[in-house]
Amino acid sequence: MSTAPTKKANQRLSVRDIAARKGQTPIVCITAYTAPMAGLMDDAVDVLLVGDSLGMVLYGMDSTLAVTLEMMIAHGAAVVRGSKHACVVVDMPFGTYQASPADAFKNCARVLAETGCAAVKLEGGAAMAETIAFLTARGIPVMGHVGLTPQSVHQLGGYRTRGKTDDEADGIMSDATAVANAGAFSVVIEGTVEPVARAITKSVAIPTIGIGASVACDGQVLVAEDMLGLFSTFTPKFVKRYAELGREVTSAVEAYAADVRARRFPGPAHVVTTKPKT
């Protein structure tokens, strides 16, 4: 079984390519919010997710609830411009798709048109099935999101792992089934106990992408800044840090500051001089 993406580096993966990966080589997904970061990660991954987590990661918000459609469009367009290979999916922010299928179509169509992304992601299960069916019937590919849904954090009672009780487990399973039956091409399972995520992956016909779920999922997603160690305060249990770039940034800036204060920078190599007049 190949461990490499299924297309050449200069050919962008499509929604159909991702959907066809069910039970195949695991799908590698990571968040991206800017063109430079998208470019750095593009060749190694299958999906770049422009998550509404940018509200907390880039803007210092307490949750994703204040993220606007305009913010998602701006960052989504940047990620598309900065990448050439990965399938780009953009989160729909809170309040832009829940009111009605028609309202969702208007906003999702705007995201696709103004960013050039391949698909949108909606949180919610059975309650969103009608909307997902409405969108997919009109040419808008949808990635679902069940389990811990951050936009519903107040209703869920905080960022706690889901599926610990039989009722919760059954509900998440029903949600994932409803999303798949409605036409989503894949579904994120977040913050859900391992046996439930494993059972969902076995049950539904579309790829599952886990975050704080199970290695049995058809793919995995992490917030890039968590994985790269750019935050020094809190690391969720489900995150594996592959680097400590935050420390390197701090050290580099401290070295720069020291050079400036000691007048070591800029040096002769960093300035333009003119030849003396003869």
Protein backbone atom coordinates (compact mmCIF):
# COMPACT_ATOMS: atom_id res chain seq x y z
CA MET A 1 0.00 0.00 0.00
CA SER A 2 1.37 3.39 -0.98
CA THR A 3 2.14 5.89 1.76
CA ALA A 4 2.30 8.85 -0.61
CA PRO A 5 -0.51 11.13 -1.81
CA THR A 6 -2.26 9.69 -4.86
CA LYS A 7 -1.53 12.57 -7.23
CA LYS A 8 1.56 14.39 -8.38
CA ALA A 9 2.71 17.35 -6.31
CA ASN A 10 1.57 19.83 -8.97
CA GLN A 11 -1.92 18.34 -9.27
CA ARG A 12 -4.42 19.28 -6.58
CA LEU A 13 -6.29 16.51 -4.80
CA SER A 14 -10.06 16.65 -5.27
CA VAL A 15 -13.01 15.88 -3.04
CA ARG A 16 -13.51 12.65 -5.00
CA ASP A 17 -9.88 11.67 -4.33
CA ILE A 18 -10.41 12.14 -0.59
CA ALA A 19 -13.72 10.23 -0.61
CA ALA A 20 -12.02 7.32 -2.41
CA ARG A 21 -9.52 6.95 0.45
CA LYS A 22 -12.02 5.12 2.68
CA GLY A 23 -10.14 2.19 4.18
CA GLN A 24 -7.00 3.05 2.20
CA THR A 25 -3.84 4.98 3.08
CA PRO A 26 -4.80 7.28 5.98
CA ILE A 27 -5.73 10.84 5.03
CA VAL A 28 -3.34 13.47 6.38
CA CYS A 29 -5.14 16.68 7.29
CA ILE A 30 -3.77 19.76 9.05
CA THR A 31 -5.04 23.27 9.66
CA ALA A 32 -3.70 26.21 7.68
CA TYR A 33 -4.66 29.86 7.92
CA THR A 34 -2.06 31.71 5.84
CA ALA A 35 -0.39 31.39 2.44
CA PRO A 36 3.16 30.88 3.79
CA MET A 37 2.14 28.07 6.15
CA ALA A 38 0.02 26.46 3.45
CA GLY A 39 3.00 26.45 1.12
CA LEU A 40 5.27 24.87 3.72
CA MET A 41 2.86 22.01 4.46
CA ASP A 42 1.20 21.50 1.08
CA ASP A 43 3.30 18.73 -0.43
CA ALA A 44 3.21 16.51 2.66
CA VAL A 45 -0.53 16.50 3.33
CA ASP A 46 -3.79 15.58 1.62
CA VAL A 47 -6.16 18.17 3.11
CA LEU A 48 -5.53 21.71 4.31
CA LEU A 49 -8.37 22.67 6.63
CA VAL A 50 -8.94 26.38 7.10
CA GLY A 51 -10.48 25.93 10.52
CA ASP A 52 -12.51 28.46 12.45
CA SER A 53 -9.97 27.65 15.16
CA LEU A 54 -8.14 30.60 13.60
CA GLY A 55 -10.22 32.72 15.95
CA MET A 56 -8.23 31.40 18.90
CA VAL A 57 -4.95 30.61 17.13
CA LEU A 58 -4.52 33.87 15.21
CA TYR A 59 -6.88 36.35 16.86
CA GLY A 60 -6.65 35.40 20.53
CA MET A 61 -10.38 34.75 20.92
CA ASP A 62 -11.74 32.58 23.72
CA SER A 63 -13.75 30.40 21.33
CA THR A 64 -14.70 30.06 17.66
CA LEU A 65 -18.07 31.74 18.08
CA ALA A 66 -16.99 35.27 17.10
CA VAL A 67 -15.31 34.22 13.85
CA THR A 68 -16.94 35.89 10.85
CA LEU A 69 -17.62 34.78 7.30
CA GLU A 70 -15.32 37.53 6.02
CA MET A 71 -12.46 36.20 8.14
CA MET A 72 -12.93 32.68 6.81
CA ILE A 73 -13.06 33.91 3.23
CA ALA A 74 -9.90 36.00 3.60
CA HIS A 75 -7.90 33.17 5.16
CA GLY A 76 -9.40 30.53 2.88
CA ALA A 77 -8.36 32.47 -0.21
CA ALA A 78 -4.84 32.90 1.21
CA VAL A 79 -4.48 29.15 1.80
CA VAL A 80 -5.70 28.34 -1.72
CA ARG A 81 -3.21 30.83 -3.19
CA GLY A 82 -0.40 29.38 -1.08
CA SER A 83 -0.99 25.75 -2.04
CA LYS A 84 -1.02 23.67 -5.21
CA HIS A 85 -1.48 20.06 -4.12
CA ALA A 86 -3.75 19.61 -1.09
CA CYS A 87 -7.53 19.63 -1.14
CA VAL A 88 -8.55 22.84 0.66
CA VAL A 89 -11.61 22.76 2.94
CA VAL A 90 -12.97 25.87 4.69
CA ASP A 91 -14.95 25.86 7.94
CA MET A 92 -18.30 27.63 7.92
CA PRO A 93 -18.43 29.87 10.99
CA PHE A 94 -21.15 29.89 13.62
CA GLY A 95 -24.42 31.43 12.48
CA THR A 96 -23.77 31.19 8.73
CA TYR A 97 -25.49 27.87 7.99
CA GLN A 98 -27.80 26.90 10.86
CA ALA A 99 -30.84 29.08 10.08
CA SER A 100 -31.99 27.30 6.92
CA PRO A 101 -30.67 25.28 3.97
CA ALA A 102 -31.20 28.28 1.70
CA ASP A 103 -29.25 30.54 4.04
CA ALA A 104 -26.47 27.96 4.20
CA PHE A 105 -26.34 27.69 0.42
CA LYS A 106 -25.99 31.44 0.01
CA ASN A 107 -23.04 31.62 2.41
CA CYS A 108 -21.35 28.38 1.33
CA ALA A 109 -21.59 29.36 -2.33
CA ARG A 110 -19.91 32.64 -1.48
CA VAL A 111 -17.06 30.82 0.28
CA LEU A 112 -16.47 28.50 -2.67
CA ALA A 113 -16.64 31.35 -5.19
CA GLU A 114 -14.45 33.81 -3.29
CA THR A 115 -11.78 31.41 -1.98
CA GLY A 116 -11.48 28.79 -4.70
CA CYS A 117 -11.60 26.03 -2.07
CA ALA A 118 -12.85 22.53 -2.84
CA ALA A 119 -15.37 22.11 -0.02
CA VAL A 120 -16.84 23.51 3.16
CA LYS A 121 -17.10 21.94 6.62
CA LEU A 122 -20.22 22.12 8.78
CA GLU A 123 -20.56 21.12 12.42
CA GLY A 124 -23.53 19.05 13.52
CA GLY A 125 -25.09 15.68 12.81
CA ALA A 126 -28.71 14.73 12.29
CA ALA A 127 -29.84 18.34 12.74
CA MET A 128 -27.70 19.34 9.74
CA ALA A 129 -28.61 16.41 7.49
CA GLU A 130 -31.27 18.32 5.56
CA THR A 131 -28.86 21.21 5.00
CA ILE A 132 -26.06 18.90 3.86
CA ALA A 133 -28.39 17.18 1.40
CA PHE A 134 -29.56 20.57 0.11
CA LEU A 135 -25.99 21.77 -0.41
CA THR A 136 -24.60 18.63 -2.02
CA ALA A 137 -27.57 18.43 -4.40
CA ARG A 138 -26.58 21.91 -5.57
CA GLY A 139 -22.91 21.20 -6.15
CA ILE A 140 -21.37 22.21 -2.81
CA PRO A 141 -19.19 19.43 -1.34
CA VAL A 142 -19.51 19.12 2.43
CA MET A 143 -17.26 17.67 5.12
CA GLY A 144 -19.24 16.87 8.26
CA HIS A 145 -18.15 17.24 11.89
CA VAL A 146 -19.60 15.24 14.80
CA GLY A 147 -18.74 14.43 18.42
CA LEU A 148 -17.28 17.42 20.20
CA THR A 149 -18.46 20.37 18.11
CA PRO A 150 -16.75 23.58 19.33
CA GLN A 151 -19.48 25.86 18.00
CA SER A 152 -21.90 24.11 20.39
CA VAL A 153 -19.54 24.28 23.37
CA HIS A 154 -22.05 26.09 25.59
CA GLN A 155 -24.81 23.58 24.89
CA LEU A 156 -22.43 20.65 25.42
CA GLY A 157 -21.21 22.00 28.75
CA GLY A 158 -17.59 22.66 27.79
CA TYR A 159 -14.77 20.99 25.95
CA ARG A 160 -15.23 17.49 27.35
CA THR A 161 -14.79 14.14 25.67
CA ARG A 162 -18.00 12.87 24.14
CA GLY A 163 -19.48 9.37 23.94
CA LYS A 164 -18.78 8.17 27.48
CA THR A 165 -22.42 7.23 28.11
CA ASP A 166 -24.53 4.88 25.99
CA ASP A 167 -26.91 7.70 25.08
CA GLU A 168 -24.09 9.97 23.93
CA ALA A 169 -22.42 7.18 22.01
CA ASP A 170 -25.65 6.28 20.25
CA GLY A 171 -26.28 9.94 19.45
CA ILE A 172 -22.85 10.45 17.89
CA MET A 173 -23.24 7.25 15.87
CA SER A 174 -26.62 8.46 14.62
CA ASP A 175 -25.16 11.86 13.79
CA ALA A 176 -22.34 10.36 11.73
CA THR A 177 -24.74 8.08 9.90
CA ALA A 178 -27.07 10.98 9.12
CA VAL A 179 -24.19 13.10 7.79
CA ALA A 180 -22.99 10.26 5.57
CA ASN A 181 -26.46 9.48 4.27
CA ALA A 182 -27.05 13.16 3.51
CA GLY A 183 -24.14 13.18 1.05
CA ALA A 184 -21.09 14.45 2.96
CA PHE A 185 -17.86 13.19 1.39
CA SER A 186 -16.12 12.78 4.76
CA VAL A 187 -16.68 13.49 8.44
CA VAL A 188 -14.48 14.77 11.26
CA ILE A 189 -14.90 12.95 14.57
CA GLU A 190 -13.63 15.17 17.37
CA GLY A 191 -13.14 14.54 21.08
CA THR A 192 -14.92 11.19 21.09
CA VAL A 193 -14.01 8.07 23.05
CA GLU A 194 -11.97 5.61 21.03
CA PRO A 195 -14.42 2.69 20.78
CA VAL A 196 -17.18 4.95 19.46
CA ALA A 197 -14.91 6.57 16.85
CA ARG A 198 -13.72 3.11 15.80
CA ALA A 199 -17.31 1.86 15.47
CA ILE A 200 -18.35 4.89 13.42
CA THR A 201 -15.40 4.40 11.06
CA LYS A 202 -16.40 0.79 10.52
CA SER A 203 -20.06 1.68 10.05
CA VAL A 204 -20.14 4.65 7.66
CA ALA A 205 -19.21 4.49 3.98
CA ILE A 206 -17.34 7.81 3.95
CA PRO A 207 -13.86 8.53 5.34
CA THR A 208 -13.65 9.56 8.98
CA ILE A 209 -11.00 12.03 10.09
CA GLY A 210 -10.17 11.86 13.76
CA ILE A 211 -8.98 14.44 16.24
CA GLY A 212 -8.89 13.12 19.77
CA ALA A 213 -10.68 10.02 18.51
CA SER A 214 -9.10 6.79 17.18
CA VAL A 215 -6.15 5.58 15.14
CA ALA A 216 -8.72 3.45 13.32
CA CYS A 217 -10.17 6.56 11.66
CA ASP A 218 -9.51 6.90 7.93
CA GLY A 219 -7.41 10.00 8.58
CA GLN A 220 -6.21 12.42 11.24
CA VAL A 221 -6.24 16.19 11.68
CA LEU A 222 -4.37 18.47 14.08
CA VAL A 223 -4.07 22.20 14.53
CA ALA A 224 -0.68 22.99 12.99
CA GLU A 225 0.33 25.41 15.73
CA ASP A 226 -0.36 22.76 18.39
CA MET A 227 1.65 20.12 16.56
CA LEU A 228 4.54 22.50 15.89
CA GLY A 229 4.81 23.68 19.49
CA LEU A 230 4.00 27.32 18.79
CA PHE A 231 1.87 27.50 21.94
CA SER A 232 3.53 27.14 25.33
CA THR A 233 0.49 27.31 27.60
CA PHE A 234 -1.82 24.34 27.04
CA THR A 235 -1.43 21.18 24.96
CA PRO A 236 -4.51 18.95 24.59
CA LYS A 237 -4.06 15.27 25.44
CA PHE A 238 -4.64 14.21 21.84
CA VAL A 239 -1.82 16.40 20.43
CA LYS A 240 1.62 15.01 19.71
CA ARG A 241 4.22 17.76 19.43
CA TYR A 242 6.55 17.15 16.51
CA ALA A 243 8.59 20.31 17.12
CA GLU A 244 9.05 23.14 19.63
CA LEU A 245 9.09 26.07 17.24
CA GLY A 246 7.80 28.45 19.87
CA ARG A 247 11.08 28.18 21.76
CA GLU A 248 13.05 28.69 18.54
CA VAL A 249 11.05 31.82 17.70
CA THR A 250 11.65 33.26 21.15
CA SER A 251 15.39 32.51 20.98
CA ALA A 252 15.69 34.02 17.50
CA VAL A 253 13.91 37.23 18.50
CA GLU A 254 16.03 37.53 21.65
CA ALA A 255 19.20 37.18 19.54
CA TYR A 256 17.92 39.80 17.09
CA ALA A 257 17.07 42.19 19.92
CA ALA A 258 20.52 41.74 21.45
CA ASP A 259 22.22 42.47 18.11
CA VAL A 260 20.15 45.62 17.55
CA ARG A 261 20.84 46.97 21.02
CA ALA A 262 24.57 46.26 20.68
CA ARG A 263 24.64 47.79 17.18
CA ARG A 264 25.81 44.50 15.69
CA PHE A 265 22.86 44.58 13.27
CA PRO A 266 22.70 45.73 10.58
CA GLY A 267 26.28 44.88 9.66
CA PRO A 268 28.20 45.79 6.50
CA ALA A 269 26.57 42.90 4.62
CA HIS A 270 23.08 44.21 5.33
CA VAL A 271 23.36 47.80 4.13
CA VAL A 272 23.95 49.48 0.77
CA THR A 273 26.93 51.77 0.51
CA THR A 274 27.92 54.15 -2.26
CA LYS A 275 31.31 54.52 -3.81
CA PRO A 276 33.21 57.64 -2.71
CA LYS A 277 33.29 60.44 -5.28
CA THR A 278 36.58 60.92 -7.08
